[in-house]
N, C-alpha and C. Protein backbone atom coordinates (compact mmCIF):
# COMPACT_ATOMS: atom_id res chain seq x y z
N UNK A 1 16.18 21.86 -83.34
CA UNK A 1 15.73 22.73 -82.19
C UNK A 1 17.01 22.37 -81.60
N UNK A 2 17.57 23.58 -80.60
CA UNK A 2 18.54 23.03 -79.60
C UNK A 2 18.39 23.01 -78.42
N UNK A 3 19.38 22.86 -77.67
CA UNK A 3 18.88 22.22 -76.22
C UNK A 3 18.16 23.23 -75.49
N UNK A 4 18.61 24.55 -75.56
CA UNK A 4 17.90 25.71 -74.82
C UNK A 4 16.45 25.40 -75.13
N UNK A 5 16.23 25.52 -76.17
CA UNK A 5 15.12 25.29 -77.14
C UNK A 5 14.10 24.43 -76.54
N UNK A 6 14.65 23.60 -76.73
CA UNK A 6 13.87 22.10 -76.31
C UNK A 6 13.30 22.10 -74.87
N UNK A 7 14.36 22.60 -73.86
CA UNK A 7 14.08 22.53 -72.50
C UNK A 7 12.73 23.46 -72.41
N UNK A 8 12.64 24.92 -72.91
CA UNK A 8 11.80 25.91 -72.95
C UNK A 8 10.47 25.35 -73.21
N UNK A 9 10.56 24.09 -74.28
CA UNK A 9 9.52 23.43 -74.81
C UNK A 9 8.67 22.56 -73.86
N UNK A 10 9.89 21.57 -73.05
CA UNK A 10 9.47 20.39 -72.67
C UNK A 10 9.16 21.33 -70.82
N UNK A 11 9.47 22.80 -70.59
CA UNK A 11 9.28 23.11 -69.25
C UNK A 11 10.15 22.38 -68.24
N UNK A 12 11.54 22.28 -68.28
CA UNK A 12 12.60 21.75 -67.81
C UNK A 12 14.16 22.35 -67.98
N UNK A 13 14.54 22.07 -67.52
CA UNK A 13 16.41 22.79 -67.72
C UNK A 13 16.88 22.33 -68.42
N UNK A 14 17.69 23.29 -68.95
CA UNK A 14 18.91 22.85 -69.56
C UNK A 14 19.52 21.56 -69.36
N UNK A 15 19.99 21.53 -68.05
CA UNK A 15 21.03 20.48 -67.47
C UNK A 15 19.98 19.09 -67.70
N UNK A 16 18.72 19.13 -67.57
CA UNK A 16 17.67 18.27 -67.22
C UNK A 16 17.99 17.50 -68.92
N UNK A 17 17.73 18.44 -69.81
CA UNK A 17 18.01 18.16 -71.32
C UNK A 17 19.05 17.14 -71.72
N UNK A 18 20.36 17.78 -70.98
CA UNK A 18 21.62 17.23 -71.25
C UNK A 18 22.22 15.96 -70.70
N UNK A 19 21.21 15.82 -69.37
CA UNK A 19 21.32 14.54 -68.94
C UNK A 19 20.62 13.58 -69.76
N UNK A 20 19.31 14.00 -70.32
CA UNK A 20 19.01 13.19 -70.80
C UNK A 20 19.31 12.50 -72.10
N UNK A 21 20.06 13.33 -72.52
CA UNK A 21 20.96 12.85 -73.94
C UNK A 21 21.87 12.11 -73.37
N UNK A 22 22.44 12.74 -72.35
CA UNK A 22 24.03 11.62 -72.02
C UNK A 22 23.57 10.36 -71.31
N UNK A 23 22.30 10.46 -70.85
CA UNK A 23 22.15 8.83 -70.47
C UNK A 23 21.04 8.03 -71.59
N UNK A 24 21.29 9.01 -72.90
CA UNK A 24 20.41 8.12 -73.99
C UNK A 24 19.14 8.20 -74.15
N UNK A 25 18.17 8.81 -72.83
CA UNK A 25 17.01 8.84 -72.97
C UNK A 25 16.26 9.76 -73.80
N UNK A 26 16.90 10.48 -74.60
CA UNK A 26 16.62 11.78 -75.94
C UNK A 26 17.75 11.18 -76.90
N UNK A 27 17.73 11.18 -78.06
CA UNK A 27 18.39 11.28 -79.17
C UNK A 27 18.77 12.77 -79.95
N UNK A 28 19.97 12.52 -80.17
CA UNK A 28 20.05 13.96 -81.23
C UNK A 28 19.88 13.60 -82.51
N UNK A 29 19.40 14.42 -83.54
CA UNK A 29 19.26 14.31 -84.64
C UNK A 29 19.91 15.37 -85.64
N UNK A 30 21.06 14.71 -86.25
CA UNK A 30 22.19 15.55 -87.00
C UNK A 30 22.38 16.82 -86.19
N UNK A 31 22.68 16.53 -84.69
CA UNK A 31 23.54 17.38 -83.99
C UNK A 31 22.10 18.54 -83.17
N UNK A 32 21.34 18.21 -83.49
CA UNK A 32 20.16 18.91 -82.99
C UNK A 32 18.77 18.07 -82.04
N UNK A 33 17.66 18.53 -81.84
CA UNK A 33 16.98 17.95 -81.35
C UNK A 33 15.49 17.85 -82.15
N UNK A 34 14.97 16.83 -82.70
CA UNK A 34 13.83 16.99 -83.10
C UNK A 34 12.74 16.76 -82.03
N UNK A 35 11.95 17.60 -81.72
CA UNK A 35 10.90 17.71 -80.94
C UNK A 35 10.12 16.56 -80.68
N UNK A 36 9.33 16.38 -81.74
CA UNK A 36 8.21 14.97 -81.91
C UNK A 36 8.81 14.07 -81.36
N UNK A 37 9.87 13.51 -81.92
CA UNK A 37 10.87 12.27 -81.94
C UNK A 37 11.08 12.26 -80.16
N UNK A 38 11.59 13.70 -80.05
CA UNK A 38 12.30 13.78 -78.59
C UNK A 38 11.36 13.48 -77.14
N UNK A 39 9.98 14.05 -77.47
CA UNK A 39 9.19 13.97 -76.72
C UNK A 39 9.03 12.58 -76.75
N UNK A 40 8.70 11.63 -77.67
CA UNK A 40 7.96 10.52 -77.28
C UNK A 40 9.33 9.41 -76.92
N UNK A 41 10.36 9.92 -77.07
CA UNK A 41 12.00 9.38 -76.46
C UNK A 41 11.59 9.46 -74.69
N UNK A 42 11.17 10.84 -74.40
CA UNK A 42 11.43 11.40 -73.03
C UNK A 42 10.35 10.47 -72.58
N UNK A 43 9.26 10.83 -72.73
CA UNK A 43 7.96 9.73 -72.49
C UNK A 43 8.58 8.28 -72.10
N UNK A 44 8.77 7.98 -73.34
CA UNK A 44 9.10 6.63 -72.93
C UNK A 44 10.47 5.80 -71.94
N UNK A 45 11.15 7.02 -71.92
CA UNK A 45 12.44 6.62 -70.87
C UNK A 45 12.55 7.15 -70.23
N UNK A 46 12.07 8.18 -69.72
CA UNK A 46 12.05 8.76 -68.18
C UNK A 46 10.83 8.60 -67.39
N UNK A 47 11.45 7.95 -66.25
CA UNK A 47 10.47 7.74 -65.04
C UNK A 47 10.26 9.00 -64.42
N UNK A 48 9.02 9.05 -64.51
CA UNK A 48 8.39 10.31 -63.50
C UNK A 48 8.97 10.69 -62.20
N UNK A 49 9.46 11.91 -61.77
CA UNK A 49 9.88 12.09 -60.64
C UNK A 49 8.25 11.81 -59.75
N UNK A 50 8.78 11.60 -58.47
CA UNK A 50 7.45 11.26 -57.50
C UNK A 50 7.66 12.62 -57.03
N UNK A 51 6.32 13.03 -56.65
CA UNK A 51 6.54 14.50 -55.82
C UNK A 51 5.93 13.96 -54.39
N UNK A 52 6.38 14.73 -53.54
CA UNK A 52 6.24 14.58 -52.05
C UNK A 52 5.45 15.51 -51.36
N UNK A 53 5.05 15.67 -50.21
CA UNK A 53 4.38 16.58 -49.36
C UNK A 53 2.81 16.69 -49.76
N UNK A 54 2.15 18.16 -49.31
CA UNK A 54 1.17 17.95 -49.16
C UNK A 54 0.31 18.38 -50.69
N UNK A 55 1.54 18.64 -51.91
CA UNK A 55 0.97 18.70 -52.85
C UNK A 55 0.97 17.26 -53.78
N UNK A 56 1.85 16.39 -53.36
CA UNK A 56 1.54 15.18 -53.57
C UNK A 56 0.21 14.11 -52.94
N UNK A 57 -0.07 14.32 -51.71
CA UNK A 57 -0.86 14.02 -50.94
C UNK A 57 -2.29 14.39 -51.55
N UNK A 58 -2.71 15.63 -52.30
CA UNK A 58 -4.07 16.33 -52.80
C UNK A 58 -4.07 15.50 -54.20
N UNK A 59 -2.81 15.26 -54.67
CA UNK A 59 -2.75 14.98 -56.39
C UNK A 59 -3.43 13.75 -56.14
N UNK A 60 -2.56 12.64 -55.16
CA UNK A 60 -3.53 11.49 -54.90
C UNK A 60 -4.60 11.31 -54.49
N UNK A 61 -4.87 12.09 -53.72
CA UNK A 61 -6.57 12.41 -53.10
C UNK A 61 -7.43 12.57 -54.53
N UNK A 62 -7.12 13.73 -55.31
CA UNK A 62 -7.79 13.85 -56.91
C UNK A 62 -7.84 12.75 -57.47
N UNK A 63 -6.74 12.02 -57.91
CA UNK A 63 -6.95 11.31 -58.70
C UNK A 63 -7.87 10.30 -57.91
N UNK A 64 -7.62 9.93 -56.42
CA UNK A 64 -8.67 8.65 -56.15
C UNK A 64 -9.82 8.59 -56.31
N UNK A 65 -10.35 10.07 -56.06
CA UNK A 65 -12.03 10.68 -56.04
C UNK A 65 -12.16 10.67 -57.54
N UNK A 66 -10.92 10.48 -58.78
CA UNK A 66 -11.56 10.55 -59.81
C UNK A 66 -11.81 12.06 -60.36
N UNK A 67 -10.90 12.68 -59.38
CA UNK A 67 -11.77 14.62 -59.90
C UNK A 67 -10.50 14.98 -60.73
N UNK A 68 -9.32 14.35 -61.02
CA UNK A 68 -8.02 14.60 -61.94
C UNK A 68 -7.78 13.04 -62.23
N UNK A 69 -7.31 13.69 -63.26
CA UNK A 69 -6.65 11.96 -64.65
C UNK A 69 -4.98 12.06 -64.09
N UNK A 70 -4.93 10.68 -64.24
CA UNK A 70 -3.27 10.39 -63.84
C UNK A 70 -2.62 11.26 -65.27
N UNK A 71 -1.44 11.26 -64.68
CA UNK A 71 -0.62 11.95 -65.61
C UNK A 71 0.59 11.38 -65.88
N UNK A 72 1.04 10.36 -65.15
CA UNK A 72 2.22 9.49 -65.18
C UNK A 72 1.75 7.75 -65.11
N UNK A 73 2.46 7.04 -65.22
CA UNK A 73 2.65 5.74 -64.89
C UNK A 73 2.13 5.41 -63.72
N UNK A 74 3.00 6.28 -63.11
CA UNK A 74 2.93 6.05 -61.80
C UNK A 74 1.65 6.60 -60.86
N UNK A 75 1.27 7.50 -61.52
CA UNK A 75 -0.24 7.99 -61.23
C UNK A 75 -1.07 6.72 -61.64
N UNK A 76 -0.90 6.25 -62.82
CA UNK A 76 -2.10 5.17 -63.06
C UNK A 76 -1.99 3.95 -62.33
N UNK A 77 -0.52 3.65 -61.80
CA UNK A 77 -0.73 2.42 -61.16
C UNK A 77 -1.00 2.76 -59.66
N UNK A 78 -1.07 4.00 -58.86
CA UNK A 78 -1.52 4.33 -57.83
C UNK A 78 -3.16 3.96 -58.33
N UNK A 79 -3.56 4.46 -59.30
CA UNK A 79 -4.92 4.34 -59.51
C UNK A 79 -5.24 3.17 -59.25
N UNK A 80 -4.98 2.15 -60.23
CA UNK A 80 -5.00 0.94 -60.14
C UNK A 80 -5.13 0.32 -58.67
N UNK A 81 -4.16 0.23 -57.84
CA UNK A 81 -3.95 -0.16 -56.54
C UNK A 81 -5.20 0.11 -55.69
N UNK A 82 -5.80 1.75 -55.91
CA UNK A 82 -6.66 2.13 -55.12
C UNK A 82 -7.63 1.30 -55.20
N UNK A 83 -7.97 1.29 -56.74
CA UNK A 83 -9.75 0.50 -57.50
C UNK A 83 -9.56 -0.85 -57.06
N UNK A 84 -8.22 -1.39 -56.85
CA UNK A 84 -8.10 -3.02 -56.26
C UNK A 84 -8.78 -2.98 -54.95
N UNK A 85 -7.86 -2.06 -54.13
CA UNK A 85 -8.36 -2.27 -52.94
C UNK A 85 -9.79 -1.76 -52.34
N UNK A 86 -10.25 -1.31 -53.11
CA UNK A 86 -11.37 -0.78 -52.74
C UNK A 86 -12.55 -1.95 -53.02
N UNK A 87 -12.24 -2.74 -54.35
CA UNK A 87 -12.69 -3.93 -54.71
C UNK A 87 -12.67 -4.79 -54.06
N UNK A 88 -11.77 -5.12 -52.94
CA UNK A 88 -11.20 -6.17 -52.42
C UNK A 88 -12.41 -5.67 -51.11
N UNK A 89 -12.16 -4.50 -50.55
CA UNK A 89 -12.93 -4.33 -49.58
C UNK A 89 -14.34 -4.55 -49.47
N UNK A 90 -15.26 -4.29 -50.43
CA UNK A 90 -16.20 -4.23 -51.38
C UNK A 90 -16.88 -5.85 -51.08
N UNK A 91 -15.29 -6.79 -51.45
CA UNK A 91 -15.95 -8.01 -51.67
C UNK A 91 -15.84 -8.58 -49.87
N UNK A 92 -14.83 -7.85 -48.86
CA UNK A 92 -15.02 -8.42 -47.89
C UNK A 92 -16.23 -7.78 -46.96
N UNK A 93 -16.69 -6.71 -47.49
CA UNK A 93 -18.39 -6.21 -46.73
C UNK A 93 -19.04 -6.94 -47.02
N UNK A 94 -18.86 -7.64 -48.40
CA UNK A 94 -20.17 -8.36 -48.72
C UNK A 94 -20.27 -10.02 -47.98
N UNK A 95 -19.13 -10.24 -47.96
CA UNK A 95 -18.47 -11.57 -47.37
C UNK A 95 -18.97 -11.63 -45.83
N UNK A 96 -18.49 -10.53 -45.12
CA UNK A 96 -18.99 -10.22 -43.77
C UNK A 96 -20.89 -10.27 -43.52
N UNK A 97 -21.70 -9.54 -44.70
CA UNK A 97 -22.78 -9.22 -44.58
C UNK A 97 -23.61 -10.70 -44.54
N UNK A 98 -23.31 -11.63 -45.28
CA UNK A 98 -23.41 -12.87 -45.75
C UNK A 98 -23.52 -13.46 -44.44
N UNK A 99 -22.28 -13.54 -43.75
CA UNK A 99 -21.49 -14.67 -42.55
C UNK A 99 -22.85 -14.28 -41.56
N UNK A 100 -22.80 -12.79 -41.62
CA UNK A 100 -23.84 -11.92 -40.74
C UNK A 100 -25.45 -12.66 -40.82
N UNK A 101 -25.81 -12.90 -42.37
CA UNK A 101 -26.90 -13.19 -42.21
C UNK A 101 -27.78 -12.25 -42.82
N UNK A 102 -27.24 -11.09 -43.33
CA UNK A 102 -27.91 -9.57 -44.15
C UNK A 102 -27.95 -10.15 -45.68
N UNK A 103 -27.45 -10.85 -45.82
CA UNK A 103 -27.84 -11.20 -47.23
C UNK A 103 -28.28 -12.77 -47.72
N UNK A 104 -29.24 -12.60 -48.69
CA UNK A 104 -30.11 -13.66 -49.07
C UNK A 104 -29.30 -14.04 -50.45
N UNK A 105 -29.73 -15.18 -51.03
CA UNK A 105 -29.52 -15.77 -52.57
C UNK A 105 -30.71 -14.64 -53.24
N UNK A 106 -29.92 -14.55 -54.52
CA UNK A 106 -31.37 -13.99 -55.38
C UNK A 106 -31.99 -15.28 -56.03
N UNK A 107 -31.32 -15.93 -56.54
CA UNK A 107 -32.23 -17.03 -57.18
C UNK A 107 -33.09 -17.65 -56.27
N UNK A 108 -33.43 -18.03 -55.46
CA UNK A 108 -34.07 -18.71 -54.56
C UNK A 108 -35.54 -17.72 -54.42
N UNK A 109 -35.13 -16.55 -54.34
CA UNK A 109 -36.09 -15.53 -54.13
C UNK A 109 -36.59 -15.00 -55.51
N UNK A 110 -35.63 -15.22 -56.69
CA UNK A 110 -36.47 -14.86 -57.86
C UNK A 110 -37.09 -15.99 -58.03
N UNK A 111 -37.32 -17.48 -57.90
CA UNK A 111 -37.98 -18.40 -58.12
C UNK A 111 -39.24 -18.25 -57.06
N UNK A 112 -39.10 -17.92 -56.07
CA UNK A 112 -40.28 -17.52 -54.99
C UNK A 112 -41.12 -16.83 -55.71
N UNK A 113 -40.58 -15.46 -56.22
CA UNK A 113 -41.48 -14.78 -56.76
C UNK A 113 -42.24 -14.94 -57.84
N UNK A 114 -41.64 -15.46 -59.13
CA UNK A 114 -42.27 -16.34 -60.19
C UNK A 114 -43.44 -17.26 -60.02
N UNK A 115 -42.89 -18.01 -58.80
CA UNK A 115 -44.07 -19.04 -58.37
C UNK A 115 -45.46 -18.42 -57.90
N UNK A 116 -45.23 -17.06 -56.84
CA UNK A 116 -46.15 -16.60 -56.62
C UNK A 116 -47.05 -15.89 -57.49
N UNK A 117 -46.35 -15.12 -58.54
CA UNK A 117 -47.01 -14.09 -59.47
C UNK A 117 -47.14 -14.89 -60.55
N UNK A 118 -47.21 -16.23 -60.72
CA UNK A 118 -47.70 -17.61 -61.71
C UNK A 118 -49.57 -17.73 -61.02
N UNK A 119 -49.11 -17.95 -59.66
CA UNK A 119 -50.54 -18.65 -58.64
C UNK A 119 -51.50 -17.49 -58.64
N UNK A 120 -50.82 -15.96 -58.55
CA UNK A 120 -51.54 -14.96 -58.17
C UNK A 120 -52.14 -14.59 -60.18
N UNK A 121 -51.47 -14.88 -60.87
CA UNK A 121 -52.22 -14.54 -62.38
C UNK A 121 -53.31 -15.78 -62.70
N UNK A 122 -52.77 -16.99 -62.13
CA UNK A 122 -53.92 -18.17 -62.50
C UNK A 122 -54.85 -17.54 -61.69
N UNK A 123 -55.04 -17.11 -60.43
CA UNK A 123 -56.25 -16.74 -59.65
C UNK A 123 -56.89 -15.62 -60.73
N UNK A 124 -56.41 -14.80 -60.70
CA UNK A 124 -57.05 -13.43 -61.46
C UNK A 124 -57.65 -14.17 -62.59
N UNK A 125 -57.28 -15.01 -63.48
CA UNK A 125 -57.73 -15.70 -64.32
C UNK A 125 -59.36 -16.43 -64.50
N UNK A 126 -59.20 -16.94 -63.02
CA UNK A 126 -60.17 -17.52 -62.67
C UNK A 126 -61.40 -16.90 -62.04
N UNK A 127 -61.00 -15.59 -61.70
CA UNK A 127 -61.71 -15.09 -60.87
C UNK A 127 -63.15 -14.84 -61.23
N UNK A 128 -63.19 -14.26 -62.53
CA UNK A 128 -64.34 -14.19 -63.64
C UNK A 128 -65.33 -15.62 -63.20
N UNK A 129 -64.79 -16.39 -63.37
CA UNK A 129 -65.40 -17.91 -63.42
C UNK A 129 -66.31 -17.79 -62.32
N UNK A 130 -65.52 -17.82 -60.88
CA UNK A 130 -65.35 -18.19 -59.61
C UNK A 130 -66.93 -16.88 -59.41
N UNK A 131 -66.46 -16.08 -59.50
CA UNK A 131 -67.62 -14.56 -59.36
C UNK A 131 -69.08 -14.57 -60.15
N UNK A 132 -68.84 -15.71 -61.27
CA UNK A 132 -70.06 -15.56 -62.07
C UNK A 132 -71.20 -16.04 -61.65
N UNK A 133 -71.13 -17.20 -60.95
CA UNK A 133 -72.08 -18.31 -60.60
C UNK A 133 -72.57 -16.97 -59.15
N UNK A 134 -72.22 -16.29 -58.39
CA UNK A 134 -72.35 -15.31 -57.51
C UNK A 134 -73.30 -14.24 -58.06
N UNK A 135 -72.76 -14.27 -59.15
CA UNK A 135 -73.67 -12.75 -59.87
C UNK A 135 -75.06 -13.33 -60.12
N UNK A 136 -75.33 -14.31 -60.47
CA UNK A 136 -76.71 -14.57 -60.95
C UNK A 136 -77.71 -14.02 -59.95
N UNK A 137 -78.46 -13.35 -60.68
CA UNK A 137 -80.05 -13.17 -59.75
C UNK A 137 -79.50 -11.60 -59.51
N UNK A 138 -78.05 -10.89 -58.91
CA UNK A 138 -78.28 -10.03 -58.51
C UNK A 138 -78.39 -8.34 -59.31
N UNK A 139 -79.35 -7.65 -58.87
CA UNK A 139 -79.91 -6.75 -59.32
C UNK A 139 -78.78 -5.48 -59.77
N UNK A 140 -78.12 -4.87 -58.92
CA UNK A 140 -77.43 -3.72 -58.97
C UNK A 140 -75.83 -4.11 -59.34
N UNK A 141 -75.71 -2.88 -60.08
CA UNK A 141 -73.98 -3.29 -60.37
C UNK A 141 -73.06 -3.10 -58.91
N UNK A 142 -73.61 -2.16 -57.74
CA UNK A 142 -73.01 -2.11 -57.07
C UNK A 142 -72.79 -3.45 -56.01
N UNK A 143 -74.15 -4.38 -56.35
CA UNK A 143 -73.77 -5.69 -55.41
C UNK A 143 -72.62 -6.53 -56.22
N UNK A 144 -72.58 -6.71 -58.03
CA UNK A 144 -71.66 -7.06 -58.61
C UNK A 144 -70.27 -6.70 -58.16
N UNK A 145 -70.16 -5.68 -58.06
CA UNK A 145 -68.89 -4.58 -58.04
C UNK A 145 -68.30 -5.54 -56.55
N UNK A 146 -69.19 -5.59 -55.15
CA UNK A 146 -69.17 -5.99 -54.07
C UNK A 146 -68.35 -7.66 -54.29
N UNK A 147 -69.01 -8.20 -54.85
CA UNK A 147 -68.82 -9.90 -55.43
C UNK A 147 -67.22 -9.91 -56.02
N UNK A 148 -66.90 -8.97 -56.99
CA UNK A 148 -65.81 -8.90 -57.54
C UNK A 148 -64.90 -8.65 -56.72
N UNK A 149 -65.12 -7.30 -55.83
CA UNK A 149 -64.08 -6.65 -54.68
C UNK A 149 -63.69 -8.10 -53.76
N UNK A 150 -64.58 -8.96 -53.65
CA UNK A 150 -64.52 -10.08 -52.34
C UNK A 150 -63.49 -11.05 -52.90
N UNK A 151 -63.59 -11.34 -54.44
CA UNK A 151 -62.94 -12.35 -55.00
C UNK A 151 -61.51 -11.67 -55.59
N UNK A 152 -61.32 -10.53 -55.30
CA UNK A 152 -60.09 -9.54 -55.79
C UNK A 152 -59.46 -9.69 -54.41
N UNK A 153 -60.15 -9.22 -53.40
CA UNK A 153 -59.42 -9.06 -51.87
C UNK A 153 -59.09 -10.58 -51.40
N UNK A 154 -59.72 -11.78 -51.56
CA UNK A 154 -59.18 -13.45 -51.65
C UNK A 154 -57.84 -13.59 -52.56
N UNK A 155 -57.78 -12.99 -53.60
CA UNK A 155 -56.76 -13.44 -54.58
C UNK A 155 -55.72 -12.58 -53.85
N UNK A 156 -55.86 -11.46 -53.32
CA UNK A 156 -54.54 -10.52 -52.67
C UNK A 156 -54.17 -11.31 -51.46
N UNK A 157 -55.08 -11.78 -50.66
CA UNK A 157 -54.88 -12.33 -49.42
C UNK A 157 -54.11 -13.47 -49.48
N UNK A 158 -54.52 -14.43 -50.89
CA UNK A 158 -53.50 -15.58 -50.73
C UNK A 158 -52.36 -15.52 -51.16
N UNK A 159 -52.14 -14.19 -52.08
CA UNK A 159 -50.64 -13.59 -52.79
C UNK A 159 -49.40 -13.46 -51.29
N UNK A 160 -50.18 -12.75 -50.52
CA UNK A 160 -49.75 -12.27 -49.13
C UNK A 160 -49.12 -13.38 -48.54
N UNK A 161 -50.30 -14.27 -48.09
CA UNK A 161 -49.74 -15.64 -47.71
C UNK A 161 -49.04 -16.56 -48.41
N UNK A 162 -48.97 -16.62 -49.44
CA UNK A 162 -47.86 -17.23 -49.82
C UNK A 162 -46.49 -16.49 -49.95
N UNK A 163 -46.36 -15.28 -50.08
CA UNK A 163 -45.29 -14.76 -49.68
C UNK A 163 -44.62 -14.59 -48.67
N UNK A 164 -45.58 -15.08 -47.88
CA UNK A 164 -45.02 -15.20 -46.22
C UNK A 164 -44.25 -16.54 -45.79
N UNK A 165 -44.97 -17.45 -46.71
CA UNK A 165 -44.40 -18.78 -46.53
C UNK A 165 -43.26 -18.85 -47.37
N UNK A 166 -43.47 -18.41 -48.45
CA UNK A 166 -41.76 -18.68 -49.42
C UNK A 166 -41.02 -17.53 -48.45
N UNK A 167 -41.31 -16.41 -47.32
CA UNK A 167 -40.12 -15.99 -47.16
C UNK A 167 -39.26 -16.51 -46.04
N UNK A 168 -40.27 -17.41 -45.36
CA UNK A 168 -39.70 -17.99 -44.43
C UNK A 168 -38.77 -19.43 -44.64
N UNK A 169 -39.35 -19.79 -45.71
CA UNK A 169 -38.22 -20.62 -46.18
C UNK A 169 -37.92 -20.40 -47.79
N UNK A 170 -37.27 -19.33 -48.06
CA UNK A 170 -37.26 -19.10 -49.65
C UNK A 170 -36.29 -20.31 -50.74
N UNK A 171 -35.70 -20.80 -50.18
CA UNK A 171 -34.99 -22.14 -50.83
C UNK A 171 -35.79 -23.38 -51.06
N UNK A 172 -36.60 -23.38 -50.19
CA UNK A 172 -37.79 -24.50 -50.68
C UNK A 172 -38.42 -24.47 -51.83
N UNK A 173 -38.39 -23.33 -52.57
CA UNK A 173 -39.32 -23.34 -53.67
C UNK A 173 -40.74 -22.88 -53.65
N UNK A 174 -41.68 -23.79 -54.41
CA UNK A 174 -43.00 -23.83 -54.00
C UNK A 174 -43.54 -24.77 -53.18
């Protein structure tokens, strides 16, 4: 392929191709240019030109928002730096929220919920035995249901009380 043909293939000027040959960023093979080899050399050996102005700002914004893919190592570096800065900002926001007392540790809360749910399970498991003695001699399903509802409500009230106790001091466990 000739220099002129390769320039058209790359979408650059003939001068840019000649300069790349002179600077040994691409090689001539038997006096011509092999497009696949030259494209690989061009990509590997040529630094991308930095865009400036409004177009560059729009492109950088699109890359930052993820609506445009990076097309060069410079774009990729910009994307990586932006992601690092965003991550650092999130970490600082979390640190600030923690210092202000807006965050709590998950593990004590998990333990407290597990404790309460175990107590609820145990209370519900025993509810039938507690209610059975009270149901002896009752003659209507309504009366039996009232006893069961009362037991159920008592279990739920104990659960709310435990949540309140443990929320006041979640790291104390049970």
